[in-house]
C-alpha atoms as a PDB file:
ATOM      1  CA  MET A   1     -14.728  17.867 -43.620  1.00  0.00           C
ATOM      2  CA  LYS A   2     -12.151  15.106 -43.203  1.00  0.00           C
ATOM      3  CA  LYS A   3      -9.340  17.656 -43.352  1.00  0.00           C
ATOM      4  CA  LYS A   4     -11.049  19.751 -40.667  1.00  0.00           C
ATOM      5  CA  ILE A   5     -11.349  16.755 -38.326  1.00  0.00           C
ATOM      6  CA  ILE A   6      -7.680  15.909 -38.777  1.00  0.00           C
ATOM      7  CA  THR A   7      -6.718  19.535 -38.094  1.00  0.00           C
ATOM      8  CA  LEU A   8      -8.795  19.618 -34.916  1.00  0.00           C
ATOM      9  CA  PHE A   9      -7.264  16.329 -33.749  1.00  0.00           C
ATOM     10  CA  ILE A  10      -3.736  17.629 -34.299  1.00  0.00           C
ATOM     11  CA  SER A  11      -4.637  20.832 -32.413  1.00  0.00           C
ATOM     12  CA  PHE A  12      -5.952  18.688 -29.547  1.00  0.00           C
ATOM     13  CA  LEU A  13      -2.708  16.719 -29.375  1.00  0.00           C
ATOM     14  CA  LEU A  14      -0.691  19.925 -29.381  1.00  0.00           C
ATOM     15  CA  CYS A  15      -2.764  21.282 -26.490  1.00  0.00           C
ATOM     16  CA  ILE A  16      -2.127  18.133 -24.478  1.00  0.00           C
ATOM     17  CA  SER A  17       1.577  18.411 -25.201  1.00  0.00           C
ATOM     18  CA  ALA A  18       1.592  22.090 -24.211  1.00  0.00           C
ATOM     19  CA  PHE A  19       0.016  21.339 -20.868  1.00  0.00           C
ATOM     20  CA  ASN A  20       2.564  18.554 -20.163  1.00  0.00           C
ATOM     21  CA  VAL A  21       0.060  16.330 -18.386  1.00  0.00           C
ATOM     22  CA  PHE A  22       1.343  12.948 -17.272  1.00  0.00           C
ATOM     23  CA  ALA A  23      -0.745  10.369 -15.409  1.00  0.00           C
ATOM     24  CA  PHE A  24       1.189   7.867 -13.328  1.00  0.00           C
ATOM     25  CA  THR A  25       0.260   4.710 -11.489  1.00  0.00           C
ATOM     26  CA  THR A  26       2.533   3.643  -8.656  1.00  0.00           C
ATOM     27  CA  SER A  27       2.221   0.034  -7.503  1.00  0.00           C
ATOM     28  CA  LEU A  28       3.716  -1.196  -4.244  1.00  0.00           C
ATOM     29  CA  ASP A  29       6.866  -3.258  -4.719  1.00  0.00           C
ATOM     30  CA  LEU A  30       8.084  -4.689  -1.419  1.00  0.00           C
ATOM     31  CA  THR A  31      11.399  -5.645  -2.967  1.00  0.00           C
ATOM     32  CA  ASN A  32      12.170  -1.918  -3.218  1.00  0.00           C
ATOM     33  CA  PRO A  33      11.864  -0.460   0.325  1.00  0.00           C
ATOM     34  CA  SER A  34      13.475   2.824   1.308  1.00  0.00           C
ATOM     35  CA  ASN A  35      13.236   2.665   5.122  1.00  0.00           C
ATOM     36  CA  PRO A  36      14.647   0.184   5.951  1.00  0.00           C
ATOM     37  CA  GLU A  37      16.801  -0.102   2.846  1.00  0.00           C
ATOM     38  CA  SER A  38      16.017  -3.827   2.770  1.00  0.00           C
ATOM     39  CA  PHE A  39      13.835  -6.202   4.761  1.00  0.00           C
ATOM     40  CA  THR A  40      15.470  -8.938   6.784  1.00  0.00           C
ATOM     41  CA  PHE A  41      13.542 -12.009   7.881  1.00  0.00           C
ATOM     42  CA  ASN A  42      13.967 -14.429  10.788  1.00  0.00           C
ATOM     43  CA  ASP A  43      13.693 -18.228  10.790  1.00  0.00           C
ATOM     44  CA  ASP A  44       9.888 -17.973  10.646  1.00  0.00           C
ATOM     45  CA  ASN A  45      10.169 -15.702   7.601  1.00  0.00           C
ATOM     46  CA  TYR A  46       8.638 -12.580   9.093  1.00  0.00           C
ATOM     47  CA  TRP A  47      10.310  -9.177   9.420  1.00  0.00           C
ATOM     48  CA  THR A  48      13.004  -9.062  12.100  1.00  0.00           C
ATOM     49  CA  GLU A  49      11.853  -5.567  13.177  1.00  0.00           C
ATOM     50  CA  THR A  50       8.256  -6.616  13.885  1.00  0.00           C
ATOM     51  CA  TYR A  51       8.613  -5.764  17.595  1.00  0.00           C
ATOM     52  CA  ASN A  52      10.821  -2.677  17.129  1.00  0.00           C
ATOM     53  CA  GLU A  53       8.622   0.206  18.272  1.00  0.00           C
ATOM     54  CA  LEU A  54      11.445   2.785  18.409  1.00  0.00           C
ATOM     55  CA  ASP A  55      12.865   2.895  14.897  1.00  0.00           C
ATOM     56  CA  TYR A  56       9.862   1.906  12.804  1.00  0.00           C
ATOM     57  CA  THR A  57       6.625   3.582  13.842  1.00  0.00           C
ATOM     58  CA  TYR A  58       6.348   3.849  10.053  1.00  0.00           C
ATOM     59  CA  TRP A  59       8.269   1.895   7.444  1.00  0.00           C
ATOM     60  CA  GLU A  60       8.519   2.987   3.808  1.00  0.00           C
ATOM     61  CA  SER A  61       8.557   1.558   0.307  1.00  0.00           C
ATOM     62  CA  GLN A  62       8.624   3.924  -2.693  1.00  0.00           C
ATOM     63  CA  ILE A  63       6.148   6.734  -1.905  1.00  0.00           C
ATOM     64  CA  PHE A  64       4.235   4.676   0.672  1.00  0.00           C
ATOM     65  CA  MET A  65       4.537   4.950   4.466  1.00  0.00           C
ATOM     66  CA  PHE A  66       2.971   2.109   6.491  1.00  0.00           C
ATOM     67  CA  SER A  67       2.151   2.514  10.175  1.00  0.00           C
ATOM     68  CA  HIS A  68       3.695   0.073  12.638  1.00  0.00           C
ATOM     69  CA  LEU A  69       3.433   0.232  16.440  1.00  0.00           C
ATOM     70  CA  ILE A  70       2.587   3.922  16.089  1.00  0.00           C
ATOM     71  CA  ASP A  71       2.224   4.446  19.851  1.00  0.00           C
ATOM     72  CA  GLY A  72       5.997   4.205  20.036  1.00  0.00           C
ATOM     73  CA  GLU A  73       8.100   3.229  23.032  1.00  0.00           C
ATOM     74  CA  GLY A  74       6.573   0.500  25.167  1.00  0.00           C
ATOM     75  CA  SER A  75       3.866  -0.426  22.668  1.00  0.00           C
ATOM     76  CA  SER A  76       5.413  -3.845  21.961  1.00  0.00           C
ATOM     77  CA  TYR A  77       5.340  -4.659  25.716  1.00  0.00           C
ATOM     78  CA  GLY A  78       8.943  -5.782  25.618  1.00  0.00           C
ATOM     79  CA  GLY A  79       8.612  -7.721  22.380  1.00  0.00           C
ATOM     80  CA  ALA A  80       5.404  -9.523  23.319  1.00  0.00           C
ATOM     81  CA  ALA A  81       2.953  -7.699  21.014  1.00  0.00           C
ATOM     82  CA  TRP A  82       2.758  -5.850  17.710  1.00  0.00           C
ATOM     83  CA  ASN A  83       0.160  -4.149  15.537  1.00  0.00           C
ATOM     84  CA  GLY A  84      -0.089  -2.219  12.302  1.00  0.00           C
ATOM     85  CA  PHE A  85       1.627  -3.416   9.125  1.00  0.00           C
ATOM     86  CA  ILE A  86       4.561  -5.818   8.851  1.00  0.00           C
ATOM     87  CA  VAL A  87       6.187  -7.683   5.959  1.00  0.00           C
ATOM     88  CA  SER A  88       6.236 -11.483   5.764  1.00  0.00           C
ATOM     89  CA  LYS A  89       7.598 -14.158   3.444  1.00  0.00           C
ATOM     90  CA  ASN A  90       5.900 -16.951   5.382  1.00  0.00           C
ATOM     91  CA  ALA A  91       3.825 -19.133   3.016  1.00  0.00           C
ATOM     92  CA  ASP A  92       2.122 -21.186   5.745  1.00  0.00           C
ATOM     93  CA  ASN A  93      -1.651 -21.521   5.273  1.00  0.00           C
ATOM     94  CA  SER A  94      -2.325 -24.427   7.646  1.00  0.00           C
ATOM     95  CA  ASN A  95      -4.637 -24.529  10.666  1.00  0.00           C
ATOM     96  CA  HIS A  96      -2.815 -24.011  13.980  1.00  0.00           C
ATOM     97  CA  GLY A  97      -5.993 -23.674  16.049  1.00  0.00           C
ATOM     98  CA  VAL A  98      -6.229 -27.331  17.031  1.00  0.00           C
ATOM     99  CA  GLY A  99      -9.578 -28.141  18.602  1.00  0.00           C
ATOM    100  CA  GLY A 100     -10.885 -24.618  17.992  1.00  0.00           C
ATOM    101  CA  SER A 101      -8.285 -23.083  20.314  1.00  0.00           C
ATOM    102  CA  SER A 102      -6.146 -19.955  19.870  1.00  0.00           C
ATOM    103  CA  ASP A 103      -3.144 -21.486  21.645  1.00  0.00           C
ATOM    104  CA  GLY A 104      -1.218 -22.337  18.473  1.00  0.00           C
ATOM    105  CA  TRP A 105      -1.846 -19.089  16.663  1.00  0.00           C
ATOM    106  CA  VAL A 106       0.339 -16.630  18.566  1.00  0.00           C
ATOM    107  CA  SER A 107       3.515 -18.413  17.470  1.00  0.00           C
ATOM    108  CA  ASN A 108       2.133 -19.026  13.974  1.00  0.00           C
ATOM    109  CA  GLN A 109       0.551 -15.689  13.063  1.00  0.00           C
ATOM    110  CA  TRP A 110       2.821 -15.020  10.078  1.00  0.00           C
ATOM    111  CA  GLY A 111       1.166 -16.828   7.145  1.00  0.00           C
ATOM    112  CA  CYS A 112      -1.227 -16.171   4.294  1.00  0.00           C
ATOM    113  CA  MET A 113      -4.023 -18.329   2.901  1.00  0.00           C
ATOM    114  CA  ALA A 114      -2.823 -17.553  -0.644  1.00  0.00           C
ATOM    115  CA  GLY A 115       0.517 -19.234   0.122  1.00  0.00           C
ATOM    116  CA  GLY A 116       2.793 -16.258  -0.536  1.00  0.00           C
ATOM    117  CA  GLY A 117       3.022 -12.837  -2.135  1.00  0.00           C
ATOM    118  CA  ILE A 118       2.119 -11.850  -5.691  1.00  0.00           C
ATOM    119  CA  GLU A 119       4.832 -12.604  -8.251  1.00  0.00           C
ATOM    120  CA  SER A 120       2.917 -11.222 -11.229  1.00  0.00           C
ATOM    121  CA  ILE A 121      -0.567 -10.459 -12.566  1.00  0.00           C
ATOM    122  CA  ASN A 122      -1.197 -11.558 -16.139  1.00  0.00           C
ATOM    123  CA  GLU A 123      -4.540 -10.539 -17.657  1.00  0.00           C
ATOM    124  CA  GLY A 124      -6.174 -10.734 -14.247  1.00  0.00           C
ATOM    125  CA  ASN A 125      -4.539 -14.036 -13.328  1.00  0.00           C
ATOM    126  CA  VAL A 126      -2.527 -13.759 -10.120  1.00  0.00           C
ATOM    127  CA  VAL A 127       0.715 -15.721  -9.940  1.00  0.00           C
ATOM    128  CA  VAL A 128       1.776 -16.444  -6.344  1.00  0.00           C
ATOM    129  CA  SER A 129       5.294 -17.159  -5.097  1.00  0.00           C
ATOM    130  CA  SER A 130       6.169 -18.586  -1.694  1.00  0.00           C
ATOM    131  CA  GLU A 131       9.372 -16.506  -1.882  1.00  0.00           C
ATOM    132  CA  ARG A 132       7.630 -13.211  -2.530  1.00  0.00           C
ATOM    133  CA  PRO A 133       7.061 -10.784   0.391  1.00  0.00           C
ATOM    134  CA  TYR A 134       3.611  -9.446   1.251  1.00  0.00           C
ATOM    135  CA  ILE A 135       2.038  -7.378   4.049  1.00  0.00           C
ATOM    136  CA  ILE A 136       0.185  -8.592   7.131  1.00  0.00           C
ATOM    137  CA  GLY A 137      -2.112  -6.049   8.767  1.00  0.00           C
ATOM    138  CA  PHE A 138      -3.178  -6.371  12.412  1.00  0.00           C
ATOM    139  CA  LEU A 139      -5.706  -3.845  13.742  1.00  0.00           C
ATOM    140  CA  ASN A 140      -5.279  -2.126  17.105  1.00  0.00           C
ATOM    141  CA  THR A 141      -8.539  -0.347  17.918  1.00  0.00           C
ATOM    142  CA  TYR A 142      -6.950   1.210  21.025  1.00  0.00           C
ATOM    143  CA  ALA A 143      -3.999   2.920  19.311  1.00  0.00           C
ATOM    144  CA  MET A 144      -3.436   6.423  20.690  1.00  0.00           C
ATOM    145  CA  GLY A 145      -0.906   7.634  18.126  1.00  0.00           C
ATOM    146  CA  GLY A 146      -3.295   7.605  15.165  1.00  0.00           C
ATOM    147  CA  ASN A 147      -4.836   4.981  12.928  1.00  0.00           C
ATOM    148  CA  SER A 148      -2.982   1.726  13.563  1.00  0.00           C
ATOM    149  CA  LEU A 149      -3.413   0.635   9.908  1.00  0.00           C
ATOM    150  CA  SER A 150      -2.513   3.860   8.123  1.00  0.00           C
ATOM    151  CA  VAL A 151      -0.876   4.445   4.737  1.00  0.00           C
ATOM    152  CA  LEU A 152       0.628   7.896   4.131  1.00  0.00           C
ATOM    153  CA  PHE A 153       2.692   9.326   1.271  1.00  0.00           C
ATOM    154  CA  ASN A 154       6.263  10.369   2.004  1.00  0.00           C
ATOM    155  CA  ASP A 155       6.427  13.054  -0.699  1.00  0.00           C
ATOM    156  CA  GLY A 156       3.533  15.053   0.786  1.00  0.00           C
ATOM    157  CA  ASN A 157       1.464  14.817  -2.398  1.00  0.00           C
ATOM    158  CA  LEU A 158      -2.133  13.700  -2.854  1.00  0.00           C
ATOM    159  CA  TYR A 159      -2.935  10.448  -4.658  1.00  0.00           C
ATOM    160  CA  THR A 160      -5.991   8.641  -5.968  1.00  0.00           C
ATOM    161  CA  PRO A 161      -6.095   5.019  -4.727  1.00  0.00           C
ATOM    162  CA  GLU A 162      -6.820   2.553  -7.527  1.00  0.00           C
ATOM    163  CA  SER A 163      -6.785  -0.935  -6.004  1.00  0.00           C
ATOM    164  CA  VAL A 164      -5.097  -3.352  -3.639  1.00  0.00           C
ATOM    165  CA  TYR A 165      -4.983  -7.140  -3.495  1.00  0.00           C
ATOM    166  CA  ILE A 166      -6.331  -8.728  -0.324  1.00  0.00           C
ATOM    167  CA  ALA A 167      -6.041 -12.286   0.990  1.00  0.00           C
ATOM    168  CA  ASN A 168      -7.412 -13.899   4.117  1.00  0.00           C
ATOM    169  CA  HIS A 169      -5.050 -14.490   7.010  1.00  0.00           C
ATOM    170  CA  PRO A 170      -5.107 -18.103   8.299  1.00  0.00           C
ATOM    171  CA  TRP A 171      -6.107 -17.239  11.880  1.00  0.00           C
ATOM    172  CA  PRO A 172      -9.483 -15.612  11.094  1.00  0.00           C
ATOM    173  CA  TYR A 173      -9.975 -17.943   8.097  1.00  0.00           C
ATOM    174  CA  TYR A 174      -9.936 -21.081  10.244  1.00  0.00           C
ATOM    175  CA  GLY A 175     -11.558 -19.257  13.167  1.00  0.00           C
ATOM    176  CA  ASN A 176     -14.538 -18.572  10.925  1.00  0.00           C
ATOM    177  CA  ILE A 177     -14.812 -22.309  10.342  1.00  0.00           C
ATOM    178  CA  TYR A 178     -14.015 -23.808  13.760  1.00  0.00           C
ATOM    179  CA  GLY A 179     -13.879 -20.905  16.206  1.00  0.00           C
ATOM    180  CA  ASP A 180     -10.669 -20.201  18.110  1.00  0.00           C
ATOM    181  CA  GLY A 181     -11.571 -19.939  21.777  1.00  0.00           C
ATOM    182  CA  PHE A 182     -12.421 -16.235  21.396  1.00  0.00           C
ATOM    183  CA  ALA A 183     -14.238 -16.094  18.064  1.00  0.00           C
ATOM    184  CA  GLN A 184     -17.300 -18.162  17.283  1.00  0.00           C
ATOM    185  CA  PRO A 185     -17.518 -20.080  14.019  1.00  0.00           C
ATOM    186  CA  MET A 186     -19.818 -18.563  11.412  1.00  0.00           C
ATOM    187  CA  SER A 187     -23.029 -20.569  11.402  1.00  0.00           C
ATOM    188  CA  LYS A 188     -26.002 -18.449  10.375  1.00  0.00           C
ATOM    189  CA  ASN A 189     -27.006 -16.185   7.515  1.00  0.00           C
ATOM    190  CA  GLY A 190     -25.805 -12.643   8.098  1.00  0.00           C
ATOM    191  CA  ASP A 191     -22.562 -13.520   9.907  1.00  0.00           C
ATOM    192  CA  PHE A 192     -19.745 -11.477   8.315  1.00  0.00           C
ATOM    193  CA  PHE A 193     -16.150 -10.314   8.571  1.00  0.00           C
ATOM    194  CA  LYS A 194     -15.036  -7.371   6.450  1.00  0.00           C
ATOM    195  CA  LEU A 195     -12.298  -4.857   5.764  1.00  0.00           C
ATOM    196  CA  ILE A 196     -13.053  -1.142   5.364  1.00  0.00           C
ATOM    197  CA  ALA A 197     -10.718   1.243   3.540  1.00  0.00           C
ATOM    198  CA  HIS A 198     -11.000   4.920   4.501  1.00  0.00           C
ATOM    199  CA  GLY A 199      -9.736   7.724   2.274  1.00  0.00           C
ATOM    200  CA  VAL A 200      -8.851  11.020   3.968  1.00  0.00           C
ATOM    201  CA  SER A 201      -8.910  14.035   1.643  1.00  0.00           C
ATOM    202  CA  GLU A 202      -6.851  17.210   1.975  1.00  0.00           C
ATOM    203  CA  ASP A 203      -9.663  18.861   3.983  1.00  0.00           C
ATOM    204  CA  ASP A 204     -10.063  15.731   6.186  1.00  0.00           C
ATOM    205  CA  THR A 205     -13.298  14.611   4.502  1.00  0.00           C
ATOM    206  CA  GLU A 206     -13.536  10.807   4.555  1.00  0.00           C
ATOM    207  CA  THR A 207     -14.802   8.287   2.029  1.00  0.00           C
ATOM    208  CA  THR A 208     -14.968   4.511   2.434  1.00  0.00           C
ATOM    209  CA  ALA A 209     -14.920   1.283   0.431  1.00  0.00           C
ATOM    210  CA  GLU A 210     -15.692  -2.181   1.823  1.00  0.00           C
ATOM    211  CA  PHE A 211     -14.306  -5.642   1.123  1.00  0.00           C
ATOM    212  CA  THR A 212     -15.965  -8.793   2.468  1.00  0.00           C
ATOM    213  CA  LEU A 213     -13.404 -11.244   3.820  1.00  0.00           C
ATOM    214  CA  ALA A 214     -15.959 -13.854   4.866  1.00  0.00           C
ATOM    215  CA  GLU A 215     -19.730 -14.214   5.163  1.00  0.00           C
ATOM    216  CA  TYR A 216     -22.316 -16.858   5.928  1.00  0.00           C
ATOM    217  CA  LYS A 217     -24.838 -16.645   3.118  1.00  0.00           C
ATOM    218  CA  ASP A 218     -27.445 -18.975   1.624  1.00  0.00           C
ATOM    219  CA  GLY A 219     -26.729 -21.571   4.285  1.00  0.00           C
ATOM    220  CA  GLU A 220     -22.941 -21.783   3.794  1.00  0.00           C
ATOM    221  CA  LEU A 221     -19.716 -20.064   4.769  1.00  0.00           C
ATOM    222  CA  LYS A 222     -18.128 -18.185   1.864  1.00  0.00           C
ATOM    223  CA  GLN A 223     -14.522 -17.041   2.081  1.00  0.00           C
ATOM    224  CA  SER A 224     -11.610 -17.162  -0.331  1.00  0.00           C
ATOM    225  CA  ALA A 225      -8.100 -18.530   0.101  1.00  0.00           C
ATOM    226  CA  ASP A 226      -6.832 -16.550  -2.921  1.00  0.00           C
ATOM    227  CA  TRP A 227      -5.618 -13.026  -3.578  1.00  0.00           C
ATOM    228  CA  GLN A 228      -8.570 -10.873  -4.618  1.00  0.00           C
ATOM    229  CA  LYS A 229      -8.643  -7.367  -6.060  1.00  0.00           C
ATOM    230  CA  PHE A 230     -10.185  -4.655  -3.889  1.00  0.00           C
ATOM    231  CA  ASP A 231     -11.307  -1.605  -5.904  1.00  0.00           C
ATOM    232  CA  LEU A 232     -10.347   1.619  -4.087  1.00  0.00           C
ATOM    233  CA  SER A 233     -11.157   4.111  -6.849  1.00  0.00           C
ATOM    234  CA  SER A 234     -14.231   5.434  -5.016  1.00  0.00           C
ATOM    235  CA  LEU A 235     -11.997   6.925  -2.292  1.00  0.00           C
ATOM    236  CA  GLY A 236     -10.977   9.817  -4.555  1.00  0.00           C
ATOM    237  CA  LEU A 237      -7.974  12.103  -4.104  1.00  0.00           C
ATOM    238  CA  VAL A 238      -6.493  11.513  -0.634  1.00  0.00           C
ATOM    239  CA  LYS A 239      -3.595  12.259   1.672  1.00  0.00           C
ATOM    240  CA  GLU A 240      -4.099   9.086   3.721  1.00  0.00           C
ATOM    241  CA  ILE A 241      -5.639   5.635   3.436  1.00  0.00           C
ATOM    242  CA  TYR A 242      -6.395   3.752   6.612  1.00  0.00           C
ATOM    243  CA  PHE A 243      -8.096   0.435   7.281  1.00  0.00           C
ATOM    244  CA  THR A 244     -10.521  -0.789   9.910  1.00  0.00           C
ATOM    245  CA  MET A 245     -12.321  -4.113  10.301  1.00  0.00           C
ATOM    246  CA  GLU A 246     -15.835  -5.165  11.307  1.00  0.00           C
ATOM    247  CA  SER A 247     -17.317  -8.490  12.404  1.00  0.00           C
ATOM    248  CA  TRP A 248     -20.662  -9.879  13.432  1.00  0.00           C
ATOM    249  CA  ASP A 249     -18.910 -11.410  16.488  1.00  0.00           C
ATOM    250  CA  VAL A 250     -18.375  -8.605  19.005  1.00  0.00           C
ATOM    251  CA  GLY A 251     -17.887  -8.858  22.766  1.00  0.00           C
ATOM    252  CA  ASP A 252     -17.262  -6.516  25.683  1.00  0.00           C
ATOM    253  CA  TRP A 253     -13.703  -5.842  24.475  1.00  0.00           C
ATOM    254  CA  GLY A 254     -14.516  -5.400  20.812  1.00  0.00           C
ATOM    255  CA  ILE A 255     -14.246  -7.772  17.843  1.00  0.00           C
ATOM    256  CA  ASN A 256     -13.717 -11.414  18.785  1.00  0.00           C
ATOM    257  CA  THR A 257     -12.669 -12.458  15.276  1.00  0.00           C
ATOM    258  CA  ALA A 258      -8.867 -12.271  14.872  1.00  0.00           C
ATOM    259  CA  VAL A 259      -8.364  -8.895  13.163  1.00  0.00           C
ATOM    260  CA  TYR A 260      -5.684  -9.862  10.626  1.00  0.00           C
ATOM    261  CA  PHE A 261      -5.587  -9.640   6.836  1.00  0.00           C
ATOM    262  CA  CYS A 262      -2.944  -9.875   4.094  1.00  0.00           C
ATOM    263  CA  MET A 263      -2.261  -7.194   1.501  1.00  0.00           C
ATOM    264  CA  ASP A 264      -0.144  -6.729  -1.635  1.00  0.00           C
ATOM    265  CA  ARG A 265       0.196  -4.587  -4.774  1.00  0.00           C
ATOM    266  CA  LEU A 266      -1.390  -1.384  -3.491  1.00  0.00           C
ATOM    267  CA  SER A 267      -1.722   0.952  -6.491  1.00  0.00           C
ATOM    268  CA  VAL A 268      -2.346   4.704  -6.535  1.00  0.00           C
ATOM    269  CA  SER A 269      -2.365   7.224  -9.362  1.00  0.00           C
ATOM    270  CA  SER A 270      -1.245  10.812  -9.652  1.00  0.00           C
ATOM    271  CA  THR A 271      -1.141  13.480 -12.310  1.00  0.00           C
ATOM    272  CA  ILE A 272       1.903  15.598 -12.949  1.00  0.00           C
ATOM    273  CA  SER A 273       0.988  18.689 -14.923  1.00  0.00           C
ATOM    274  CA  SER A 274       2.492  22.019 -15.913  1.00  0.00           C
ATOM    275  CA  LEU A 275      -0.613  23.488 -14.279  1.00  0.00           C
ATOM    276  CA  ASP A 276      -0.486  21.418 -11.069  1.00  0.00           C
ATOM    277  CA  ASN A 277      -0.625  22.882  -7.572  1.00  0.00           C
ATOM    278  CA  ASN A 278      -0.404  26.494  -8.802  1.00  0.00           C
ATOM    279  CA  LYS A 279       3.365  26.135  -8.705  1.00  0.00           C
ATOM    280  CA  THR A 280       5.753  28.091 -10.888  1.00  0.00           C
ATOM    281  CA  GLN A 281       6.839  26.129 -13.942  1.00  0.00           C
ATOM    282  CA  LEU A 282      10.618  25.998 -14.120  1.00  0.00           C
ATOM    283  CA  ASN A 283      12.829  25.412 -17.104  1.00  0.00           C
ATOM    284  CA  ASN A 284      16.171  25.933 -15.385  1.00  0.00           C
ATOM    285  CA  ALA A 285      17.414  22.379 -15.026  1.00  0.00           C
ATOM    286  CA  TYR A 286      18.659  20.419 -17.995  1.00  0.00           C
ATOM    287  CA  ARG A 287      19.922  16.909 -18.614  1.00  0.00           C
ATOM    288  CA  LEU A 288      23.032  15.653 -20.391  1.00  0.00           C
ATOM    289  CA  GLY A 289      22.974  11.881 -20.449  1.00  0.00           C
ATOM    290  CA  SER A 290      22.230  10.715 -16.911  1.00  0.00           C
ATOM    291  CA  VAL A 291      23.413  13.940 -15.236  1.00  0.00           C
ATOM    292  CA  LEU A 292      21.138  16.835 -14.261  1.00  0.00           C
ATOM    293  CA  TYR A 293      22.540  20.362 -14.162  1.00  0.00           C
ATOM    294  CA  ASN A 294      21.274  23.607 -12.611  1.00  0.00           C
ATOM    295  CA  VAL A 295      19.038  21.730 -10.156  1.00  0.00           C
ATOM    296  CA  PRO A 296      17.248  23.999  -7.625  1.00  0.00           C
ATOM    297  CA  GLU A 297      18.434  23.851  -4.027  1.00  0.00           C
ATOM    298  CA  LYS A 298      16.993  20.945  -2.006  1.00  0.00           C
ATOM    299  CA  ALA A 299      14.828  19.797  -4.906  1.00  0.00           C
ATOM    300  CA  ASN A 300      13.166  16.394  -4.827  1.00  0.00           C
ATOM    301  CA  ILE A 301      13.905  14.404  -7.968  1.00  0.00           C
ATOM    302  CA  ARG A 302      11.836  11.398  -9.037  1.00  0.00           C
ATOM    303  CA  VAL A 303      12.437   9.228 -12.087  1.00  0.00           C
ATOM    304  CA  PHE A 304       9.426   7.398 -13.571  1.00  0.00           C
ATOM    305  CA  ASP A 305       9.125   4.864 -16.342  1.00  0.00           C
ATOM    306  CA  LEU A 306       6.292   5.332 -18.847  1.00  0.00           C
ATOM    307  CA  SER A 307       3.964   3.092 -16.817  1.00  0.00           C
ATOM    308  CA  GLY A 308       4.293   5.475 -13.866  1.00  0.00           C
ATOM    309  CA  ARG A 309       6.477   3.241 -11.697  1.00  0.00           C
ATOM    310  CA  ILE A 310       8.964   5.196  -9.602  1.00  0.00           C
ATOM    311  CA  LEU A 311      12.452   3.967 -10.444  1.00  0.00           C
ATOM    312  CA  TYR A 312      14.470   6.375  -8.348  1.00  0.00           C
ATOM    313  CA  SER A 313      13.974   9.217  -5.887  1.00  0.00           C
ATOM    314  CA  ILE A 314      16.532  11.537  -4.313  1.00  0.00           C
ATOM    315  CA  ASP A 315      16.725  14.910  -2.570  1.00  0.00           C
ATOM    316  CA  ALA A 316      19.345  17.066  -4.269  1.00  0.00           C
ATOM    317  CA  ASN A 317      22.176  18.498  -2.195  1.00  0.00           C
ATOM    318  CA  SER A 318      23.938  20.017  -5.196  1.00  0.00           C
ATOM    319  CA  GLU A 319      22.953  21.736  -8.426  1.00  0.00           C
ATOM    320  CA  VAL A 320      24.566  18.816 -10.285  1.00  0.00           C
ATOM    321  CA  VAL A 321      22.932  15.430  -9.711  1.00  0.00           C
ATOM    322  CA  ALA A 322      24.103  12.175 -11.279  1.00  0.00           C
ATOM    323  CA  LEU A 323      21.240   9.731 -11.829  1.00  0.00           C
ATOM    324  CA  PRO A 324      21.537   5.975 -12.347  1.00  0.00           C
ATOM    325  CA  SER A 325      21.402   4.799 -15.941  1.00  0.00           C
ATOM    326  CA  PHE A 326      18.004   3.414 -16.958  1.00  0.00           C
ATOM    327  CA  GLU A 327      17.062   1.747 -20.216  1.00  0.00           C
ATOM    328  CA  GLY A 328      14.204   3.114 -22.316  1.00  0.00           C
ATOM    329  CA  MET A 329      12.334   6.409 -22.111  1.00  0.00           C
ATOM    330  CA  LYS A 330      12.006   7.987 -18.676  1.00  0.00           C
ATOM    331  CA  ILE A 331      10.263  11.007 -17.171  1.00  0.00           C
ATOM    332  CA  ILE A 332      12.074  13.088 -14.558  1.00  0.00           C
ATOM    333  CA  HIS A 333      10.042  15.194 -12.138  1.00  0.00           C
ATOM    334  CA  ILE A 334      11.880  17.946 -10.236  1.00  0.00           C
ATOM    335  CA  GLU A 335      10.082  19.762  -7.433  1.00  0.00           C
ATOM    336  CA  SER A 336      11.392  22.456  -5.103  1.00  0.00           C
ATOM    337  CA  VAL A 337      10.126  25.487  -3.196  1.00  0.00           C
ATOM    338  CA  GLU A 338      10.749  27.459  -6.393  1.00  0.00           C
ATOM    339  CA  GLY A 339       8.405  25.346  -8.535  1.00  0.00           C
ATOM    340  CA  ILE A 340       8.281  22.180 -10.626  1.00  0.00           C
ATOM    341  CA  GLN A 341       9.828  20.963 -13.840  1.00  0.00           C
ATOM    342  CA  VAL A 342       9.267  17.842 -15.938  1.00  0.00           C
ATOM    343  CA  ILE A 343      12.046  16.576 -18.191  1.00  0.00           C
ATOM    344  CA  ARG A 344      11.490  13.807 -20.717  1.00  0.00           C
END
């Protein structure tokens, strides 16, 4: 009996190997952008291209594309306004709404209540660094070019969102306490401010997940100044993630609460399989050291480590492609119009 179980287990492992199934998790790393090639920051430590609506309607890091002033030319009103996603290294978490006014916030809208981006996560404990970049999201409910807070994937593949870390932005955080001239302070049970993540599937079906940024409950205001994990796994396999916001405080022009939030470490998973996407399985390319030979024309090449992090991505313009040298075991995924190939 024991021998039979061992035999079945070995057969199972061989089947898995034959199917070449690899599950990868890709986590956002803002120190590794691809468009622009690097982020530059001004004296206030926010992205210098925040008001550039011509070159960056989307900016990119690894496989992720983040919307930014998606209505294009004129949408920054000559450098006076922005919306969508930007990158910041501003660690300010102080109150600039003196006397419950919004006057001080416009010139100080670049901070994060957590005091910086996420340096590392150790057994659930988040380590924050004031030098680490993070994302600020600002919702534009009147955007005409699409969802103002949209995340797409630049390789055209579908992904399953896993999680993202969310922190309160100082403007709505203090506005919930004191008001800000537009927003009222939270003062009664049922008052709330929340973030909604929408997953858009390949057939445009939508799923949602909600994250409460602040609420007045049991006679007190409850909101966090720390990075908190937002579970996105219920969204399923998607081609797009976009975010909206809701508040109890709504006026004639929409939400009165300042519609900002901070975001970091977005993680999505994908499966690379010899059976994926009904594509032909190729065995043409081969590797000698860090050089690939016989690469299909215009193939996309991605190099992963064993945790699923993308280390390198390039579109081939030759059948011989020299890759950077990486330590440890790596998985190379080659995809072209002819089919796919995985090299370990």
